[in-house]
């Protein structure tokens, strides 16, 4: 007899409700430039980042929101999308590191700078999550509407898992200083599978 009484219950695939959520960021490497973090589109015309935002706490903890941020391409639409993507990435850094958008101090400039897309992985930020209606045969899904940054009424600091070991505070200056003393990570290497 096969007993499934202790198996986990089926996951809920319904979108989480609209709202503000603390999110944990990871990027799935796609093997393309820069440094293996990008993923080439099927038509080979653009490169994007495969983003995964995981709800950190609350009733919907561990639920995931997926997005693709275009970072380069061959058309003017790709350029426009890349500009929007870099704005989103800036906002994520500002939200995670507590940087006011109009702060142009040396510490703030450093906080908005990264050595590699790897530096974005494991950042936690506050995001407004919405629901995109079902379309073109696809079910409704969650999307990141916008990133909540300092200066917005709902922003608050979120404990960073990367900085926790190196810094007792949650300031971006401390986290940046700690990161500056870490040895550089080796470059990512990606190999084609044998069947490719």
Protein backbone atom coordinates (compact mmCIF):
# COMPACT_ATOMS: atom_id res chain seq x y z
CA UNK A 1 0.00 0.00 0.00
CA UNK A 2 1.23 3.51 -0.84
CA UNK A 3 0.29 6.00 1.87
CA UNK A 4 0.12 9.68 0.86
CA UNK A 5 -1.38 10.97 4.11
CA UNK A 6 1.89 12.58 5.17
CA UNK A 7 2.69 14.07 1.75
CA UNK A 8 2.63 17.84 1.45
CA UNK A 9 -0.64 19.32 0.28
CA UNK A 10 -0.84 20.66 -3.26
CA UNK A 11 0.66 24.10 -3.74
CA UNK A 12 -1.67 27.03 -4.34
CA UNK A 13 -0.96 28.59 -7.73
CA UNK A 14 -3.51 31.39 -7.46
CA UNK A 15 -1.89 34.85 -7.52
CA UNK A 16 -1.31 36.49 -4.15
CA UNK A 17 -3.61 39.48 -3.51
CA UNK A 18 -2.57 43.00 -4.50
CA UNK A 19 -0.49 44.57 -1.78
CA UNK A 20 2.85 45.53 -0.31
CA UNK A 21 5.24 42.67 0.38
CA UNK A 22 8.83 42.32 1.59
CA UNK A 23 10.54 40.50 -1.29
CA UNK A 24 13.77 38.51 -1.58
CA UNK A 25 15.51 38.84 -4.95
CA UNK A 26 17.32 36.13 -6.86
CA UNK A 27 18.42 36.06 -10.49
CA UNK A 28 18.55 32.84 -12.50
CA UNK A 29 21.75 32.86 -14.60
CA UNK A 30 21.03 32.40 -18.30
CA UNK A 31 24.54 31.88 -19.68
CA UNK A 32 24.70 35.06 -21.78
CA UNK A 33 26.55 38.32 -21.26
CA UNK A 34 27.21 40.00 -18.95
CA UNK A 35 29.19 37.33 -17.10
CA UNK A 36 26.59 34.63 -17.65
CA UNK A 37 23.78 36.47 -15.85
CA UNK A 38 21.85 37.46 -18.98
CA UNK A 39 19.47 35.24 -20.92
CA UNK A 40 19.13 35.63 -24.67
CA UNK A 41 15.63 35.83 -26.10
CA UNK A 42 14.41 33.05 -28.39
CA UNK A 43 14.83 35.29 -31.44
CA UNK A 44 18.32 36.35 -30.34
CA UNK A 45 17.37 40.03 -30.47
CA UNK A 46 17.57 40.89 -26.77
CA UNK A 47 19.13 39.92 -23.46
CA UNK A 48 17.28 39.99 -20.16
CA UNK A 49 17.57 39.02 -16.53
CA UNK A 50 15.32 36.27 -15.18
CA UNK A 51 14.18 37.76 -11.88
CA UNK A 52 12.54 35.87 -9.03
CA UNK A 53 10.93 37.77 -6.16
CA UNK A 54 10.02 35.62 -3.15
CA UNK A 55 7.60 36.89 -0.49
CA UNK A 56 9.60 36.87 2.75
CA UNK A 57 6.96 36.70 5.48
CA UNK A 58 3.28 36.56 6.33
CA UNK A 59 0.45 34.45 5.00
CA UNK A 60 1.99 34.30 1.52
CA UNK A 61 5.59 33.63 2.58
CA UNK A 62 7.63 31.71 -0.03
CA UNK A 63 5.26 32.54 -2.88
CA UNK A 64 7.20 33.65 -5.95
CA UNK A 65 6.75 36.36 -8.57
CA UNK A 66 8.70 36.00 -11.81
CA UNK A 67 9.78 38.73 -14.21
CA UNK A 68 12.16 39.27 -17.09
CA UNK A 69 14.00 42.59 -17.20
CA UNK A 70 15.39 43.47 -20.62
CA UNK A 71 18.90 44.91 -20.30
CA UNK A 72 20.03 45.06 -23.95
CA UNK A 73 18.66 44.58 -27.44
CA UNK A 74 18.71 45.54 -31.08
CA UNK A 75 15.67 47.81 -31.39
CA UNK A 76 14.51 51.13 -29.95
CA UNK A 77 11.84 49.24 -27.98
CA UNK A 78 14.57 47.15 -26.39
CA UNK A 79 16.46 50.33 -25.49
CA UNK A 80 13.31 51.74 -23.88
CA UNK A 81 12.74 48.48 -21.97
CA UNK A 82 16.37 48.48 -20.80
CA UNK A 83 15.95 52.03 -19.50
CA UNK A 84 12.88 50.96 -17.51
CA UNK A 85 14.78 47.90 -16.23
CA UNK A 86 17.74 49.94 -14.98
CA UNK A 87 15.28 52.23 -13.20
CA UNK A 88 13.76 49.20 -11.48
CA UNK A 89 17.20 47.93 -10.45
CA UNK A 90 18.11 51.35 -9.07
CA UNK A 91 14.88 51.40 -7.06
CA UNK A 92 15.59 47.91 -5.67
CA UNK A 93 19.02 49.07 -4.48
CA UNK A 94 17.51 52.22 -2.94
CA UNK A 95 14.76 50.26 -1.20
CA UNK A 96 17.11 47.56 0.10
CA UNK A 97 19.84 49.96 1.22
CA UNK A 98 17.66 52.79 2.51
CA UNK A 99 18.78 55.41 0.00
CA UNK A 100 16.69 58.49 -0.75
CA UNK A 101 16.31 58.90 -4.53
CA UNK A 102 17.61 62.49 -4.43
CA UNK A 103 20.60 61.63 -2.20
CA UNK A 104 23.76 62.18 -4.25
CA UNK A 105 26.27 61.82 -1.41
CA UNK A 106 29.31 59.60 -1.96
CA UNK A 107 27.76 56.90 0.25
CA UNK A 108 24.50 56.95 -1.74
CA UNK A 109 26.33 56.81 -5.08
CA UNK A 110 28.31 53.83 -3.79
CA UNK A 111 25.10 52.16 -2.57
CA UNK A 112 23.61 52.38 -6.08
CA UNK A 113 26.74 50.82 -7.62
CA UNK A 114 27.42 47.11 -8.01
CA UNK A 115 30.37 45.11 -9.33
CA UNK A 116 28.19 42.38 -10.86
CA UNK A 117 24.56 41.33 -11.04
CA UNK A 118 25.56 38.81 -8.38
CA UNK A 119 25.50 41.75 -5.92
CA UNK A 120 21.73 42.01 -6.44
CA UNK A 121 21.09 38.39 -5.47
CA UNK A 122 19.66 38.00 -1.96
CA UNK A 123 18.76 41.67 -1.58
CA UNK A 124 15.46 42.25 0.20
CA UNK A 125 13.18 45.16 -0.61
CA UNK A 126 9.59 46.31 -0.29
CA UNK A 127 7.49 45.93 -3.42
CA UNK A 128 3.93 46.63 -4.56
CA UNK A 129 2.65 43.42 -6.09
CA UNK A 130 -0.33 43.38 -8.44
CA UNK A 131 -2.19 40.89 -10.60
CA UNK A 132 -1.99 40.85 -14.38
CA UNK A 133 -5.24 39.55 -15.85
CA UNK A 134 -5.30 36.32 -17.86
CA UNK A 135 -4.44 36.95 -21.51
CA UNK A 136 -3.33 35.17 -24.68
CA UNK A 137 -4.16 31.77 -23.21
CA UNK A 138 -2.10 32.34 -20.06
CA UNK A 139 -3.54 32.39 -16.53
CA UNK A 140 -3.58 35.53 -14.39
CA UNK A 141 -0.24 36.09 -12.68
CA UNK A 142 1.47 38.31 -10.16
CA UNK A 143 3.67 41.18 -11.31
CA UNK A 144 5.86 43.68 -9.48
CA UNK A 145 4.02 46.98 -10.00
CA UNK A 146 6.69 49.15 -8.42
CA UNK A 147 9.42 49.19 -5.79
CA UNK A 148 8.71 51.12 -2.58
CA UNK A 149 11.66 53.42 -1.87
CA UNK A 150 12.60 55.82 0.95
CA UNK A 151 10.45 58.92 0.80
CA UNK A 152 7.29 56.91 0.01
CA UNK A 153 4.95 56.72 3.01
CA UNK A 154 4.93 52.91 3.19
CA UNK A 155 8.68 52.35 2.97
CA UNK A 156 10.47 50.79 5.93
CA UNK A 157 13.82 49.07 6.26
CA UNK A 158 14.00 45.31 5.81
CA UNK A 159 16.74 43.18 7.37
CA UNK A 160 19.26 42.16 4.73
CA UNK A 161 20.48 38.57 4.84
CA UNK A 162 23.74 39.40 3.01
CA UNK A 163 24.77 42.16 5.36
CA UNK A 164 23.62 40.48 8.59
CA UNK A 165 26.81 38.48 9.09
CA UNK A 166 29.14 41.39 8.39
CA UNK A 167 27.22 44.31 9.86
CA UNK A 168 25.19 44.73 13.01
CA UNK A 169 23.31 47.70 11.51
CA UNK A 170 21.11 48.00 8.48
CA UNK A 171 22.66 51.06 6.86
CA UNK A 172 23.77 50.91 3.27
CA UNK A 173 27.06 52.58 4.19
CA UNK A 174 27.95 49.76 6.60
CA UNK A 175 26.88 47.08 4.15
CA UNK A 176 28.89 48.67 1.34
CA UNK A 177 31.95 48.96 3.57
CA UNK A 178 31.68 45.31 4.54
CA UNK A 179 31.30 44.25 0.91
CA UNK A 180 34.37 46.24 -0.11
CA UNK A 181 36.55 43.98 2.08
CA UNK A 182 35.21 40.73 0.64
CA UNK A 183 37.36 38.93 -1.93
CA UNK A 184 35.90 39.15 -5.45
CA UNK A 185 33.79 36.19 -6.47
CA UNK A 186 35.19 34.03 -9.27
CA UNK A 187 33.53 34.63 -12.63
CA UNK A 188 30.61 32.38 -13.43
CA UNK A 189 31.27 29.64 -15.96
CA UNK A 190 28.56 27.99 -18.00
CA UNK A 191 28.92 24.90 -20.14
CA UNK A 192 26.54 23.51 -22.71
CA UNK A 193 25.03 20.18 -21.70
CA UNK A 194 26.16 17.14 -23.67
CA UNK A 195 22.84 16.88 -25.48
CA UNK A 196 22.91 20.48 -26.78
